[in-house]
Amino acid sequence: MDDKQILTHIQELVDEEHHLESLSVEETSPSHKSRINEIDVALDQCWDLLRQRRARKSAGLDPDEASLRPPSMVEGYQQ
């Protein structure tokens, strides 16, 4: 996945998250809340992957060698 594809995927996830968050209480279900949590994790993974790729490019390394890190890793980062 190249940078443009990652950014496109990020935008798709953000759009879905905004849609789910815009639903009224009557329209939501536990599965909606679960999906929002899944989206949050996926966004963290995508941003991490994009940062890895950019860092590798900056260092003169192959950005395609960056890899998607597991949720347990990206969710443990300090903000």
N, C-alpha and C. Protein backbone atom coordinates (compact mmCIF):
# COMPACT_ATOMS: atom_id res chain seq x y z
N MET A 1 0.85 -1.17 0.00
CA MET A 1 0.00 0.00 0.00
C MET A 1 0.90 1.24 0.00
N ASP A 2 0.68 2.14 -0.95
CA ASP A 2 1.49 3.36 -0.98
C ASP A 2 0.83 4.47 -0.16
N ASP A 3 1.52 5.60 -0.04
CA ASP A 3 1.03 6.69 0.81
C ASP A 3 -0.37 7.16 0.39
N LYS A 4 -0.57 7.29 -0.92
CA LYS A 4 -1.87 7.76 -1.41
C LYS A 4 -3.00 6.78 -1.02
N GLN A 5 -2.73 5.51 -1.15
CA GLN A 5 -3.73 4.50 -0.78
C GLN A 5 -4.01 4.53 0.72
N ILE A 6 -2.98 4.72 1.51
CA ILE A 6 -3.16 4.80 2.96
C ILE A 6 -4.02 6.01 3.31
N LEU A 7 -3.72 7.16 2.70
CA LEU A 7 -4.49 8.36 2.97
C LEU A 7 -5.95 8.21 2.52
N THR A 8 -6.16 7.55 1.40
CA THR A 8 -7.52 7.29 0.93
C THR A 8 -8.27 6.40 1.93
N HIS A 9 -7.59 5.38 2.42
CA HIS A 9 -8.21 4.48 3.40
C HIS A 9 -8.52 5.23 4.70
N ILE A 10 -7.60 6.10 5.12
CA ILE A 10 -7.84 6.91 6.32
C ILE A 10 -9.10 7.75 6.13
N GLN A 11 -9.23 8.38 4.98
CA GLN A 11 -10.41 9.22 4.73
C GLN A 11 -11.70 8.39 4.74
N GLU A 12 -11.65 7.20 4.18
CA GLU A 12 -12.83 6.32 4.19
C GLU A 12 -13.22 5.95 5.63
N LEU A 13 -12.21 5.64 6.44
CA LEU A 13 -12.48 5.30 7.84
C LEU A 13 -13.05 6.49 8.60
N VAL A 14 -12.49 7.66 8.38
CA VAL A 14 -12.97 8.88 9.05
C VAL A 14 -14.41 9.15 8.64
N ASP A 15 -14.71 9.01 7.36
CA ASP A 15 -16.08 9.24 6.88
C ASP A 15 -17.05 8.26 7.55
N GLU A 16 -16.66 7.00 7.63
CA GLU A 16 -17.53 6.01 8.28
C GLU A 16 -17.71 6.33 9.75
N GLU A 17 -16.62 6.71 10.40
CA GLU A 17 -16.70 7.05 11.83
C GLU A 17 -17.64 8.24 12.06
N HIS A 18 -17.50 9.27 11.22
CA HIS A 18 -18.38 10.44 11.35
C HIS A 18 -19.84 10.06 11.13
N HIS A 19 -20.07 9.20 10.17
CA HIS A 19 -21.45 8.75 9.92
C HIS A 19 -22.02 8.03 11.15
N LEU A 20 -21.25 7.11 11.68
CA LEU A 20 -21.72 6.36 12.84
C LEU A 20 -21.93 7.27 14.06
N GLU A 21 -21.05 8.25 14.22
CA GLU A 21 -21.17 9.16 15.36
C GLU A 21 -22.34 10.13 15.19
N SER A 22 -22.79 10.32 13.96
CA SER A 22 -23.89 11.25 13.72
C SER A 22 -25.26 10.61 13.94
N LEU A 23 -25.30 9.29 14.10
CA LEU A 23 -26.57 8.61 14.30
C LEU A 23 -27.16 8.97 15.66
N SER A 24 -28.47 9.02 15.71
CA SER A 24 -29.12 9.29 16.98
C SER A 24 -29.02 8.06 17.89
N VAL A 25 -29.30 8.26 19.14
CA VAL A 25 -29.23 7.17 20.12
C VAL A 25 -30.14 6.02 19.70
N GLU A 26 -31.29 6.34 19.15
CA GLU A 26 -32.24 5.31 18.73
C GLU A 26 -31.70 4.48 17.56
N GLU A 27 -30.83 5.08 16.77
CA GLU A 27 -30.30 4.41 15.59
C GLU A 27 -29.05 3.57 15.88
N THR A 28 -28.49 3.74 17.05
CA THR A 28 -27.23 3.04 17.35
C THR A 28 -27.49 1.73 18.07
N SER A 29 -26.51 0.89 18.00
CA SER A 29 -26.57 -0.41 18.67
C SER A 29 -25.18 -0.70 19.21
N PRO A 30 -25.06 -1.73 20.02
CA PRO A 30 -23.73 -2.11 20.50
C PRO A 30 -22.75 -2.38 19.35
N SER A 31 -23.27 -2.89 18.24
CA SER A 31 -22.38 -3.15 17.11
C SER A 31 -21.82 -1.86 16.52
N HIS A 32 -22.60 -0.78 16.58
CA HIS A 32 -22.10 0.51 16.10
C HIS A 32 -20.93 0.99 16.97
N LYS A 33 -21.10 0.86 18.27
CA LYS A 33 -20.03 1.27 19.19
C LYS A 33 -18.79 0.41 18.99
N SER A 34 -19.01 -0.87 18.78
CA SER A 34 -17.90 -1.78 18.53
C SER A 34 -17.18 -1.39 17.23
N ARG A 35 -17.95 -1.05 16.22
CA ARG A 35 -17.35 -0.66 14.93
C ARG A 35 -16.55 0.63 15.08
N ILE A 36 -17.05 1.58 15.85
CA ILE A 36 -16.31 2.82 16.08
C ILE A 36 -14.98 2.52 16.74
N ASN A 37 -14.97 1.61 17.69
CA ASN A 37 -13.71 1.21 18.34
C ASN A 37 -12.76 0.57 17.33
N GLU A 38 -13.30 -0.28 16.46
CA GLU A 38 -12.48 -0.92 15.43
C GLU A 38 -11.89 0.12 14.48
N ILE A 39 -12.69 1.11 14.13
CA ILE A 39 -12.23 2.18 13.24
C ILE A 39 -11.10 2.96 13.92
N ASP A 40 -11.26 3.27 15.20
CA ASP A 40 -10.22 4.00 15.93
C ASP A 40 -8.89 3.26 15.89
N VAL A 41 -8.94 1.96 16.09
CA VAL A 41 -7.72 1.15 16.06
C VAL A 41 -7.14 1.14 14.65
N ALA A 42 -7.99 0.94 13.65
CA ALA A 42 -7.52 0.92 12.26
C ALA A 42 -6.89 2.25 11.87
N LEU A 43 -7.48 3.36 12.34
CA LEU A 43 -6.90 4.67 12.05
C LEU A 43 -5.52 4.80 12.69
N ASP A 44 -5.39 4.36 13.93
CA ASP A 44 -4.08 4.40 14.59
C ASP A 44 -3.05 3.58 13.80
N GLN A 45 -3.46 2.43 13.32
CA GLN A 45 -2.55 1.58 12.54
C GLN A 45 -2.16 2.27 11.23
N CYS A 46 -3.13 2.87 10.56
CA CYS A 46 -2.85 3.53 9.29
C CYS A 46 -1.92 4.72 9.47
N TRP A 47 -2.18 5.55 10.48
CA TRP A 47 -1.30 6.70 10.73
C TRP A 47 0.10 6.22 11.08
N ASP A 48 0.20 5.16 11.87
CA ASP A 48 1.50 4.61 12.22
C ASP A 48 2.24 4.13 10.97
N LEU A 49 1.54 3.43 10.10
CA LEU A 49 2.14 2.94 8.86
C LEU A 49 2.62 4.10 8.00
N LEU A 50 1.81 5.13 7.89
CA LEU A 50 2.19 6.30 7.10
C LEU A 50 3.44 6.97 7.69
N ARG A 51 3.49 7.10 9.02
CA ARG A 51 4.68 7.68 9.66
C ARG A 51 5.91 6.81 9.43
N GLN A 52 5.75 5.50 9.50
CA GLN A 52 6.87 4.59 9.23
C GLN A 52 7.39 4.80 7.81
N ARG A 53 6.47 4.85 6.85
CA ARG A 53 6.85 5.00 5.44
C ARG A 53 7.59 6.31 5.23
N ARG A 54 7.09 7.38 5.82
CA ARG A 54 7.72 8.70 5.65
C ARG A 54 9.09 8.73 6.31
N ALA A 55 9.22 8.10 7.46
CA ALA A 55 10.52 8.05 8.15
C ALA A 55 11.52 7.25 7.32
N ARG A 56 11.07 6.15 6.75
CA ARG A 56 11.96 5.32 5.93
C ARG A 56 12.42 6.11 4.70
N LYS A 57 11.49 6.82 4.06
CA LYS A 57 11.85 7.64 2.88
C LYS A 57 12.89 8.69 3.28
N SER A 58 12.65 9.33 4.40
CA SER A 58 13.54 10.38 4.89
C SER A 58 14.95 9.84 5.16
N ALA A 59 15.02 8.61 5.60
CA ALA A 59 16.30 7.98 5.92
C ALA A 59 16.94 7.32 4.70
N GLY A 60 16.30 7.45 3.54
CA GLY A 60 16.84 6.86 2.32
C GLY A 60 16.59 5.35 2.22
N LEU A 61 15.64 4.87 2.99
CA LEU A 61 15.29 3.44 2.98
C LEU A 61 14.04 3.21 2.15
N ASP A 62 13.76 1.96 1.87
CA ASP A 62 12.59 1.59 1.07
C ASP A 62 11.32 1.70 1.93
N PRO A 63 10.41 2.61 1.59
CA PRO A 63 9.18 2.76 2.37
C PRO A 63 8.27 1.53 2.29
N ASP A 64 8.44 0.73 1.23
CA ASP A 64 7.60 -0.46 1.08
C ASP A 64 7.95 -1.55 2.08
N GLU A 65 9.05 -1.38 2.80
CA GLU A 65 9.41 -2.34 3.83
C GLU A 65 8.73 -2.04 5.17
N ALA A 66 8.02 -0.92 5.26
CA ALA A 66 7.23 -0.60 6.46
C ALA A 66 6.08 -1.60 6.53
N SER A 67 5.68 -1.92 7.74
CA SER A 67 4.60 -2.90 7.87
C SER A 67 3.56 -2.44 8.89
N LEU A 68 2.37 -2.94 8.69
CA LEU A 68 1.27 -2.64 9.59
C LEU A 68 1.54 -3.31 10.93
N ARG A 69 1.58 -2.50 11.97
CA ARG A 69 1.85 -3.04 13.30
C ARG A 69 0.55 -3.51 13.95
N PRO A 70 0.64 -4.47 14.86
CA PRO A 70 -0.58 -5.00 15.49
C PRO A 70 -1.23 -3.96 16.41
N PRO A 71 -2.54 -4.09 16.60
CA PRO A 71 -3.25 -3.15 17.48
C PRO A 71 -2.62 -3.04 18.87
N SER A 72 -2.16 -4.14 19.41
CA SER A 72 -1.59 -4.10 20.75
C SER A 72 -0.38 -3.18 20.83
N MET A 73 0.32 -3.01 19.72
CA MET A 73 1.49 -2.14 19.70
C MET A 73 1.08 -0.67 19.52
N VAL A 74 0.26 -0.39 18.51
CA VAL A 74 -0.08 1.01 18.22
C VAL A 74 -1.00 1.61 19.28
N GLU A 75 -1.76 0.79 19.95
CA GLU A 75 -2.65 1.30 20.99
C GLU A 75 -1.88 1.59 22.28
N GLY A 76 -0.65 1.09 22.38
CA GLY A 76 0.14 1.31 23.58
C GLY A 76 1.03 2.54 23.49
N TYR A 77 1.02 3.25 22.35
CA TYR A 77 1.86 4.43 22.18
C TYR A 77 1.38 5.55 23.08
N GLN A 78 2.33 6.32 23.60
CA GLN A 78 2.02 7.52 24.38
C GLN A 78 1.72 8.66 23.41
N GLN A 79 0.73 9.44 23.71
CA GLN A 79 0.37 10.58 22.86
C GLN A 79 1.17 11.79 23.25
